[in-house]
Amino acid sequence: MPTLPPDERGRRFQQTADRLAESLARLVLSLAPGGAILAEAVSFARALSDDADADAARAALDARLGSHAERLAALEAGGGGLKISGDRARVLAVAVRYANTHVVNYCDADATIQELEITADAYREAVQELDELYAIISHGNGNHASGYGGIGVRPAVFVELVGQVVPGVVVEHELGQLLAVFGRATARRVRSDELKAVGIPTARAQHLLEYLEEQGLVELLGPGSSVDQLMFIDAELRPRGRRVLRGDEPLL
């Protein structure tokens, strides 16, 4: 692989840093988080389950999706998006990034306050607003100056925002890959190892599967043995999941 000259490497690094900084200052959340994403993921899963050329299916999906910037602009222009800005966006982005790398979805208040260099009052106000938007699960702590011990991102909001916050993640691809495992399965239950073999980082796969469970498509069965692994033993497709993958039940 050719090595980029130092100036080019520096330019690309700065572009990535700029995108990350922007993502921490402004997020866009649809009024029905995850809905359009799930519809695209199901279409991709059907293509993979039908033994279609995976590269061709992915290229077709990418062509439909366009860039994140184009999608967010269309969402806002159509009036279907809610803009989250300032400390609210920054607190939420930190929680999404944390969930992306941790199976247990609990982002500590002190760690967030320290990273963002905000006051306990600013954190409390951000958490209150995000809680009211049903974007997070808040964990109260009367002994903390903010009144909160930490927060967790709700599965649908994680699905909606991880691609905005973590560069390079196309969540429609990953949800589709996970659903395709169920679509191709010959046994009623799918082992967690089969889902892990897809190659999605463990923490992100856990939260994507929790979203699919929340949507009534799959059921995660049995507690896992470690917080470093998927937190279930088996999973199975629920009746709604079978209808959706067959195309009998529309999502939009």
C-alpha atoms as a PDB file:
ATOM      1  CA  MET A   1       0.000   0.000   0.000  1.00  0.00           C
ATOM      2  CA  PRO A   2       1.532   3.388  -0.965  1.00  0.00           C
ATOM      3  CA  THR A   3       2.420   5.729   1.876  1.00  0.00           C
ATOM      4  CA  LEU A   4       0.835   9.157   1.816  1.00  0.00           C
ATOM      5  CA  PRO A   5       3.208  12.134   1.986  1.00  0.00           C
ATOM      6  CA  PRO A   6       3.295  13.850   5.401  1.00  0.00           C
ATOM      7  CA  ASP A   7       1.382  16.909   4.147  1.00  0.00           C
ATOM      8  CA  GLU A   8      -1.435  14.735   2.779  1.00  0.00           C
ATOM      9  CA  ARG A   9      -1.597  12.648   5.944  1.00  0.00           C
ATOM     10  CA  GLY A  10      -1.801  15.852   7.963  1.00  0.00           C
ATOM     11  CA  ARG A  11      -4.568  17.239   5.752  1.00  0.00           C
ATOM     12  CA  ARG A  12      -6.652  14.076   6.057  1.00  0.00           C
ATOM     13  CA  PHE A  13      -6.108  13.933   9.804  1.00  0.00           C
ATOM     14  CA  GLN A  14      -7.288  17.534  10.117  1.00  0.00           C
ATOM     15  CA  GLN A  15     -10.364  16.812   7.980  1.00  0.00           C
ATOM     16  CA  THR A  16     -11.253  13.918  10.277  1.00  0.00           C
ATOM     17  CA  ALA A  17     -10.660  16.070  13.360  1.00  0.00           C
ATOM     18  CA  ASP A  18     -12.847  18.822  11.904  1.00  0.00           C
ATOM     19  CA  ARG A  19     -15.663  16.351  11.227  1.00  0.00           C
ATOM     20  CA  LEU A  20     -15.415  15.004  14.762  1.00  0.00           C
ATOM     21  CA  ALA A  21     -15.486  18.508  16.223  1.00  0.00           C
ATOM     22  CA  GLU A  22     -18.561  19.340  14.156  1.00  0.00           C
ATOM     23  CA  SER A  23     -20.304  16.125  15.244  1.00  0.00           C
ATOM     24  CA  LEU A  24     -19.774  17.091  18.869  1.00  0.00           C
ATOM     25  CA  ALA A  25     -21.406  20.474  18.342  1.00  0.00           C
ATOM     26  CA  ARG A  26     -24.470  19.528  16.290  1.00  0.00           C
ATOM     27  CA  LEU A  27     -26.462  16.338  15.782  1.00  0.00           C
ATOM     28  CA  VAL A  28     -29.635  15.700  13.823  1.00  0.00           C
ATOM     29  CA  LEU A  29     -32.152  13.179  15.131  1.00  0.00           C
ATOM     30  CA  SER A  30     -35.147  12.122  13.075  1.00  0.00           C
ATOM     31  CA  LEU A  31     -38.566  12.350  14.668  1.00  0.00           C
ATOM     32  CA  ALA A  32     -38.874   8.561  14.342  1.00  0.00           C
ATOM     33  CA  PRO A  33     -35.304   7.442  15.169  1.00  0.00           C
ATOM     34  CA  GLY A  34     -34.026   4.475  13.217  1.00  0.00           C
ATOM     35  CA  GLY A  35     -37.089   3.964  11.003  1.00  0.00           C
ATOM     36  CA  ALA A  36     -35.618   4.776   7.588  1.00  0.00           C
ATOM     37  CA  ILE A  37     -32.323   3.175   8.586  1.00  0.00           C
ATOM     38  CA  LEU A  38     -34.057  -0.089   9.476  1.00  0.00           C
ATOM     39  CA  ALA A  39     -35.948  -0.145   6.185  1.00  0.00           C
ATOM     40  CA  GLU A  40     -32.677   0.128   4.237  1.00  0.00           C
ATOM     41  CA  ALA A  41     -31.029  -2.466   6.471  1.00  0.00           C
ATOM     42  CA  VAL A  42     -33.838  -4.951   5.818  1.00  0.00           C
ATOM     43  CA  SER A  43     -33.532  -4.449   2.048  1.00  0.00           C
ATOM     44  CA  PHE A  44     -29.784  -5.092   2.307  1.00  0.00           C
ATOM     45  CA  ALA A  45     -30.367  -8.184   4.473  1.00  0.00           C
ATOM     46  CA  ARG A  46     -32.810  -9.607   1.926  1.00  0.00           C
ATOM     47  CA  ALA A  47     -30.242  -9.175  -0.831  1.00  0.00           C
ATOM     48  CA  LEU A  48     -27.569 -10.934   1.230  1.00  0.00           C
ATOM     49  CA  SER A  49     -29.935 -13.725   2.274  1.00  0.00           C
ATOM     50  CA  ASP A  50     -30.855 -14.317  -1.371  1.00  0.00           C
ATOM     51  CA  ASP A  51     -27.164 -14.959  -2.116  1.00  0.00           C
ATOM     52  CA  ALA A  52     -26.900 -11.815  -4.187  1.00  0.00           C
ATOM     53  CA  ASP A  53     -23.446 -10.422  -4.904  1.00  0.00           C
ATOM     54  CA  ALA A  54     -22.575  -8.760  -1.584  1.00  0.00           C
ATOM     55  CA  ASP A  55     -20.439  -6.056  -3.218  1.00  0.00           C
ATOM     56  CA  ALA A  56     -23.166  -5.210  -5.726  1.00  0.00           C
ATOM     57  CA  ALA A  57     -25.796  -5.096  -2.961  1.00  0.00           C
ATOM     58  CA  ARG A  58     -23.599  -2.808  -0.879  1.00  0.00           C
ATOM     59  CA  ALA A  59     -22.903  -0.523  -3.846  1.00  0.00           C
ATOM     60  CA  ALA A  60     -26.641  -0.259  -4.546  1.00  0.00           C
ATOM     61  CA  LEU A  61     -27.313   0.615  -0.905  1.00  0.00           C
ATOM     62  CA  ASP A  62     -24.544   3.223  -0.853  1.00  0.00           C
ATOM     63  CA  ALA A  63     -25.942   4.803  -4.006  1.00  0.00           C
ATOM     64  CA  ARG A  64     -29.372   5.110  -2.377  1.00  0.00           C
ATOM     65  CA  LEU A  65     -27.993   6.488   0.873  1.00  0.00           C
ATOM     66  CA  GLY A  66     -25.668   9.164  -0.511  1.00  0.00           C
ATOM     67  CA  SER A  67     -23.407  11.017   1.911  1.00  0.00           C
ATOM     68  CA  HIS A  68     -24.244  11.715   5.554  1.00  0.00           C
ATOM     69  CA  ALA A  69     -24.242  15.429   4.824  1.00  0.00           C
ATOM     70  CA  GLU A  70     -26.792  15.003   2.017  1.00  0.00           C
ATOM     71  CA  ARG A  71     -29.025  12.817   4.161  1.00  0.00           C
ATOM     72  CA  LEU A  72     -28.970  15.191   7.118  1.00  0.00           C
ATOM     73  CA  ALA A  73     -29.661  18.185   4.884  1.00  0.00           C
ATOM     74  CA  ALA A  74     -32.656  16.386   3.351  1.00  0.00           C
ATOM     75  CA  LEU A  75     -33.926  15.398   6.791  1.00  0.00           C
ATOM     76  CA  GLU A  76     -33.782  18.977   8.055  1.00  0.00           C
ATOM     77  CA  ALA A  77     -35.214  20.440   4.831  1.00  0.00           C
ATOM     78  CA  GLY A  78     -38.154  18.041   4.996  1.00  0.00           C
ATOM     79  CA  GLY A  79     -39.002  19.048   8.541  1.00  0.00           C
ATOM     80  CA  GLY A  80     -38.457  15.511   9.816  1.00  0.00           C
ATOM     81  CA  GLY A  81     -35.346  16.229  11.844  1.00  0.00           C
ATOM     82  CA  LEU A  82     -34.703  17.572  15.303  1.00  0.00           C
ATOM     83  CA  LYS A  83     -31.466  19.539  15.694  1.00  0.00           C
ATOM     84  CA  ILE A  84     -29.578  18.945  18.931  1.00  0.00           C
ATOM     85  CA  SER A  85     -26.845  21.506  19.548  1.00  0.00           C
ATOM     86  CA  GLY A  86     -24.480  22.904  22.147  1.00  0.00           C
ATOM     87  CA  ASP A  87     -23.861  20.988  25.359  1.00  0.00           C
ATOM     88  CA  ARG A  88     -26.809  18.680  24.637  1.00  0.00           C
ATOM     89  CA  ALA A  89     -25.160  17.480  21.420  1.00  0.00           C
ATOM     90  CA  ARG A  90     -21.743  17.205  23.027  1.00  0.00           C
ATOM     91  CA  VAL A  91     -22.998  15.167  25.996  1.00  0.00           C
ATOM     92  CA  LEU A  92     -25.014  12.922  23.697  1.00  0.00           C
ATOM     93  CA  ALA A  93     -22.097  12.454  21.285  1.00  0.00           C
ATOM     94  CA  VAL A  94     -19.800  11.393  24.138  1.00  0.00           C
ATOM     95  CA  ALA A  95     -22.412   8.860  25.261  1.00  0.00           C
ATOM     96  CA  VAL A  96     -22.785   7.480  21.715  1.00  0.00           C
ATOM     97  CA  ARG A  97     -19.018   7.153  21.350  1.00  0.00           C
ATOM     98  CA  TYR A  98     -18.837   5.421  24.727  1.00  0.00           C
ATOM     99  CA  ALA A  99     -21.566   2.937  23.792  1.00  0.00           C
ATOM    100  CA  ASN A 100     -19.777   2.247  20.518  1.00  0.00           C
ATOM    101  CA  THR A 101     -16.847   0.760  22.456  1.00  0.00           C
ATOM    102  CA  HIS A 102     -18.528  -0.593  25.616  1.00  0.00           C
ATOM    103  CA  VAL A 103     -21.061  -3.400  25.857  1.00  0.00           C
ATOM    104  CA  VAL A 104     -22.495  -1.944  29.068  1.00  0.00           C
ATOM    105  CA  ASN A 105     -24.250   1.258  28.015  1.00  0.00           C
ATOM    106  CA  TYR A 106     -23.448   3.541  30.957  1.00  0.00           C
ATOM    107  CA  CYS A 107     -21.503   6.740  30.314  1.00  0.00           C
ATOM    108  CA  ASP A 108     -20.239   8.183  33.603  1.00  0.00           C
ATOM    109  CA  ALA A 109     -21.145  11.764  34.520  1.00  0.00           C
ATOM    110  CA  ASP A 110     -17.733  12.692  35.945  1.00  0.00           C
ATOM    111  CA  ALA A 111     -15.891  11.346  32.897  1.00  0.00           C
ATOM    112  CA  THR A 112     -18.171  13.323  30.566  1.00  0.00           C
ATOM    113  CA  ILE A 113     -17.867  16.546  32.547  1.00  0.00           C
ATOM    114  CA  GLN A 114     -14.094  16.212  32.579  1.00  0.00           C
ATOM    115  CA  GLU A 115     -13.827  15.416  28.861  1.00  0.00           C
ATOM    116  CA  LEU A 116     -16.064  18.289  27.787  1.00  0.00           C
ATOM    117  CA  GLU A 117     -14.820  20.706  30.455  1.00  0.00           C
ATOM    118  CA  ILE A 118     -18.344  21.726  31.421  1.00  0.00           C
ATOM    119  CA  THR A 119     -19.897  22.417  34.817  1.00  0.00           C
ATOM    120  CA  ALA A 120     -22.127  20.034  36.745  1.00  0.00           C
ATOM    121  CA  ASP A 121     -25.007  22.479  36.165  1.00  0.00           C
ATOM    122  CA  ALA A 122     -24.442  22.433  32.395  1.00  0.00           C
ATOM    123  CA  TYR A 123     -24.343  18.623  32.456  1.00  0.00           C
ATOM    124  CA  ARG A 124     -27.574  18.465  34.472  1.00  0.00           C
ATOM    125  CA  GLU A 125     -29.394  20.763  32.052  1.00  0.00           C
ATOM    126  CA  ALA A 126     -28.149  18.774  29.059  1.00  0.00           C
ATOM    127  CA  VAL A 127     -29.240  15.467  30.610  1.00  0.00           C
ATOM    128  CA  GLN A 128     -32.667  16.864  31.533  1.00  0.00           C
ATOM    129  CA  GLU A 129     -33.293  18.000  27.953  1.00  0.00           C
ATOM    130  CA  LEU A 130     -32.025  14.763  26.430  1.00  0.00           C
ATOM    131  CA  ASP A 131     -34.160  12.758  28.859  1.00  0.00           C
ATOM    132  CA  GLU A 132     -37.215  14.782  27.881  1.00  0.00           C
ATOM    133  CA  LEU A 133     -36.479  14.023  24.222  1.00  0.00           C
ATOM    134  CA  TYR A 134     -36.424  10.304  25.111  1.00  0.00           C
ATOM    135  CA  ALA A 135     -32.886  10.133  23.691  1.00  0.00           C
ATOM    136  CA  ILE A 136     -31.247   8.671  26.797  1.00  0.00           C
ATOM    137  CA  ILE A 137     -31.825   6.684  29.958  1.00  0.00           C
ATOM    138  CA  SER A 138     -30.640   8.804  32.878  1.00  0.00           C
ATOM    139  CA  HIS A 139     -29.324   7.397  36.154  1.00  0.00           C
ATOM    140  CA  GLY A 140     -29.898   9.684  39.105  1.00  0.00           C
ATOM    141  CA  ASN A 141     -27.381  10.117  41.907  1.00  0.00           C
ATOM    142  CA  GLY A 142     -28.279  12.450  44.749  1.00  0.00           C
ATOM    143  CA  ASN A 143     -24.664  12.519  45.885  1.00  0.00           C
ATOM    144  CA  HIS A 144     -23.423  13.989  42.600  1.00  0.00           C
ATOM    145  CA  ALA A 145     -23.399  17.751  42.049  1.00  0.00           C
ATOM    146  CA  SER A 146     -25.394  17.338  38.837  1.00  0.00           C
ATOM    147  CA  GLY A 147     -27.931  14.975  40.387  1.00  0.00           C
ATOM    148  CA  TYR A 148     -26.937  12.255  37.910  1.00  0.00           C
ATOM    149  CA  GLY A 149     -24.429   9.410  37.954  1.00  0.00           C
ATOM    150  CA  GLY A 150     -24.447   8.855  34.211  1.00  0.00           C
ATOM    151  CA  ILE A 151     -26.551   8.150  31.144  1.00  0.00           C
ATOM    152  CA  GLY A 152     -27.121   5.473  28.530  1.00  0.00           C
ATOM    153  CA  VAL A 153     -28.160   6.081  24.927  1.00  0.00           C
ATOM    154  CA  ARG A 154     -31.440   4.487  23.876  1.00  0.00           C
ATOM    155  CA  PRO A 155     -30.983   1.829  21.169  1.00  0.00           C
ATOM    156  CA  ALA A 156     -32.924   3.665  18.439  1.00  0.00           C
ATOM    157  CA  VAL A 157     -30.977   6.861  19.099  1.00  0.00           C
ATOM    158  CA  PHE A 158     -27.667   4.983  19.039  1.00  0.00           C
ATOM    159  CA  VAL A 159     -28.611   3.538  15.647  1.00  0.00           C
ATOM    160  CA  GLU A 160     -29.559   6.968  14.364  1.00  0.00           C
ATOM    161  CA  LEU A 161     -26.468   8.807  15.591  1.00  0.00           C
ATOM    162  CA  VAL A 162     -23.518   6.407  15.582  1.00  0.00           C
ATOM    163  CA  GLY A 163     -22.850   7.124  11.912  1.00  0.00           C
ATOM    164  CA  GLN A 164     -22.834  10.866  12.630  1.00  0.00           C
ATOM    165  CA  VAL A 165     -20.477  10.558  15.581  1.00  0.00           C
ATOM    166  CA  VAL A 166     -18.120   7.719  14.554  1.00  0.00           C
ATOM    167  CA  PRO A 167     -16.560   8.299  11.111  1.00  0.00           C
ATOM    168  CA  GLY A 168     -16.795   5.405   8.696  1.00  0.00           C
ATOM    169  CA  VAL A 169     -19.721   3.578  10.300  1.00  0.00           C
ATOM    170  CA  VAL A 170     -22.585   2.814   7.905  1.00  0.00           C
ATOM    171  CA  VAL A 171     -25.135   1.372  10.268  1.00  0.00           C
ATOM    172  CA  GLU A 172     -27.457   0.211   7.478  1.00  0.00           C
ATOM    173  CA  HIS A 173     -24.694  -2.149   6.295  1.00  0.00           C
ATOM    174  CA  GLU A 174     -24.144  -3.571   9.753  1.00  0.00           C
ATOM    175  CA  LEU A 175     -27.802  -4.022  10.687  1.00  0.00           C
ATOM    176  CA  GLY A 176     -28.361  -5.697   7.320  1.00  0.00           C
ATOM    177  CA  GLN A 177     -25.438  -8.058   7.878  1.00  0.00           C
ATOM    178  CA  LEU A 178     -26.790  -9.093  11.275  1.00  0.00           C
ATOM    179  CA  LEU A 179     -30.318  -9.614   9.953  1.00  0.00           C
ATOM    180  CA  ALA A 180     -28.936 -11.671   7.055  1.00  0.00           C
ATOM    181  CA  VAL A 181     -27.503 -14.158   9.566  1.00  0.00           C
ATOM    182  CA  PHE A 182     -31.044 -14.810  10.784  1.00  0.00           C
ATOM    183  CA  GLY A 183     -32.375 -14.900   7.216  1.00  0.00           C
ATOM    184  CA  ARG A 184     -29.874 -17.611   6.211  1.00  0.00           C
ATOM    185  CA  ALA A 185     -30.146 -19.648   9.418  1.00  0.00           C
ATOM    186  CA  THR A 186     -31.431 -23.209   9.117  1.00  0.00           C
ATOM    187  CA  ALA A 187     -31.912 -23.687  12.866  1.00  0.00           C
ATOM    188  CA  ARG A 188     -34.475 -21.848  14.971  1.00  0.00           C
ATOM    189  CA  ARG A 189     -31.809 -20.236  17.127  1.00  0.00           C
ATOM    190  CA  VAL A 190     -28.631 -18.444  16.132  1.00  0.00           C
ATOM    191  CA  ARG A 191     -25.616 -18.693  18.412  1.00  0.00           C
ATOM    192  CA  SER A 192     -23.970 -15.471  19.527  1.00  0.00           C
ATOM    193  CA  ASP A 193     -20.718 -16.715  17.944  1.00  0.00           C
ATOM    194  CA  GLU A 194     -22.416 -16.739  14.526  1.00  0.00           C
ATOM    195  CA  LEU A 195     -23.371 -13.090  14.939  1.00  0.00           C
ATOM    196  CA  LYS A 196     -19.933 -12.182  16.247  1.00  0.00           C
ATOM    197  CA  ALA A 197     -18.407 -13.787  13.141  1.00  0.00           C
ATOM    198  CA  VAL A 198     -19.950 -11.016  11.007  1.00  0.00           C
ATOM    199  CA  GLY A 199     -17.009  -8.906  12.187  1.00  0.00           C
ATOM    200  CA  ILE A 200     -18.805  -5.918  13.692  1.00  0.00           C
ATOM    201  CA  PRO A 201     -17.062  -4.676  16.866  1.00  0.00           C
ATOM    202  CA  THR A 202     -18.631  -6.444  19.846  1.00  0.00           C
ATOM    203  CA  ALA A 203     -20.008  -3.416  21.681  1.00  0.00           C
ATOM    204  CA  ARG A 204     -21.598  -1.914  18.589  1.00  0.00           C
ATOM    205  CA  ALA A 205     -23.066  -5.296  17.580  1.00  0.00           C
ATOM    206  CA  GLN A 206     -24.612  -5.631  21.047  1.00  0.00           C
ATOM    207  CA  HIS A 207     -26.382  -2.280  20.789  1.00  0.00           C
ATOM    208  CA  LEU A 208     -27.516  -2.903  17.204  1.00  0.00           C
ATOM    209  CA  LEU A 209     -29.007  -6.230  18.242  1.00  0.00           C
ATOM    210  CA  GLU A 210     -30.699  -4.586  21.226  1.00  0.00           C
ATOM    211  CA  TYR A 211     -32.272  -2.179  18.748  1.00  0.00           C
ATOM    212  CA  LEU A 212     -33.518  -5.063  16.600  1.00  0.00           C
ATOM    213  CA  GLU A 213     -34.953  -6.646  19.749  1.00  0.00           C
ATOM    214  CA  GLU A 214     -36.604  -3.350  20.708  1.00  0.00           C
ATOM    215  CA  GLN A 215     -38.227  -3.272  17.264  1.00  0.00           C
ATOM    216  CA  GLY A 216     -39.680  -6.743  17.837  1.00  0.00           C
ATOM    217  CA  LEU A 217     -37.622  -8.403  15.089  1.00  0.00           C
ATOM    218  CA  VAL A 218     -35.362 -10.646  17.187  1.00  0.00           C
ATOM    219  CA  GLU A 219     -35.148 -11.972  20.732  1.00  0.00           C
ATOM    220  CA  LEU A 220     -31.862 -12.230  22.635  1.00  0.00           C
ATOM    221  CA  LEU A 221     -31.832 -15.251  24.924  1.00  0.00           C
ATOM    222  CA  GLY A 222     -29.799 -16.067  28.015  1.00  0.00           C
ATOM    223  CA  PRO A 223     -27.287 -13.864  29.826  1.00  0.00           C
ATOM    224  CA  GLY A 224     -23.760 -13.646  28.496  1.00  0.00           C
ATOM    225  CA  SER A 225     -20.753 -14.600  30.579  1.00  0.00           C
ATOM    226  CA  SER A 226     -18.675 -11.418  30.247  1.00  0.00           C
ATOM    227  CA  VAL A 227     -19.101  -7.686  29.688  1.00  0.00           C
ATOM    228  CA  ASP A 228     -16.423  -8.025  27.000  1.00  0.00           C
ATOM    229  CA  GLN A 229     -18.626 -10.356  24.940  1.00  0.00           C
ATOM    230  CA  LEU A 230     -22.130 -10.260  23.473  1.00  0.00           C
ATOM    231  CA  MET A 231     -24.489 -10.332  26.441  1.00  0.00           C
ATOM    232  CA  PHE A 232     -26.612 -13.280  25.319  1.00  0.00           C
ATOM    233  CA  ILE A 233     -26.117 -16.942  24.394  1.00  0.00           C
ATOM    234  CA  ASP A 234     -28.545 -17.362  21.484  1.00  0.00           C
ATOM    235  CA  ALA A 235     -30.933 -15.251  19.508  1.00  0.00           C
ATOM    236  CA  GLU A 236     -33.912 -16.044  17.345  1.00  0.00           C
ATOM    237  CA  LEU A 237     -36.035 -14.315  14.763  1.00  0.00           C
ATOM    238  CA  ARG A 238     -39.439 -13.324  16.096  1.00  0.00           C
ATOM    239  CA  PRO A 239     -42.630 -13.636  14.030  1.00  0.00           C
ATOM    240  CA  ARG A 240     -42.487  -9.948  13.108  1.00  0.00           C
ATOM    241  CA  GLY A 241     -38.878 -10.397  12.018  1.00  0.00           C
ATOM    242  CA  ARG A 242     -39.867 -13.238   9.695  1.00  0.00           C
ATOM    243  CA  ARG A 243     -42.678 -11.147   8.187  1.00  0.00           C
ATOM    244  CA  VAL A 244     -40.396  -8.149   7.693  1.00  0.00           C
ATOM    245  CA  LEU A 245     -37.603 -10.161   6.060  1.00  0.00           C
ATOM    246  CA  ARG A 246     -40.108 -11.834   3.712  1.00  0.00           C
ATOM    247  CA  GLY A 247     -41.444  -8.412   2.765  1.00  0.00           C
ATOM    248  CA  ASP A 248     -44.932  -9.177   4.099  1.00  0.00           C
ATOM    249  CA  GLU A 249     -44.874  -6.307   6.600  1.00  0.00           C
ATOM    250  CA  PRO A 250     -43.664  -2.892   5.418  1.00  0.00           C
ATOM    251  CA  LEU A 251     -41.603  -0.736   7.720  1.00  0.00           C
ATOM    252  CA  LEU A 252     -42.413   2.653   6.179  1.00  0.00           C
END
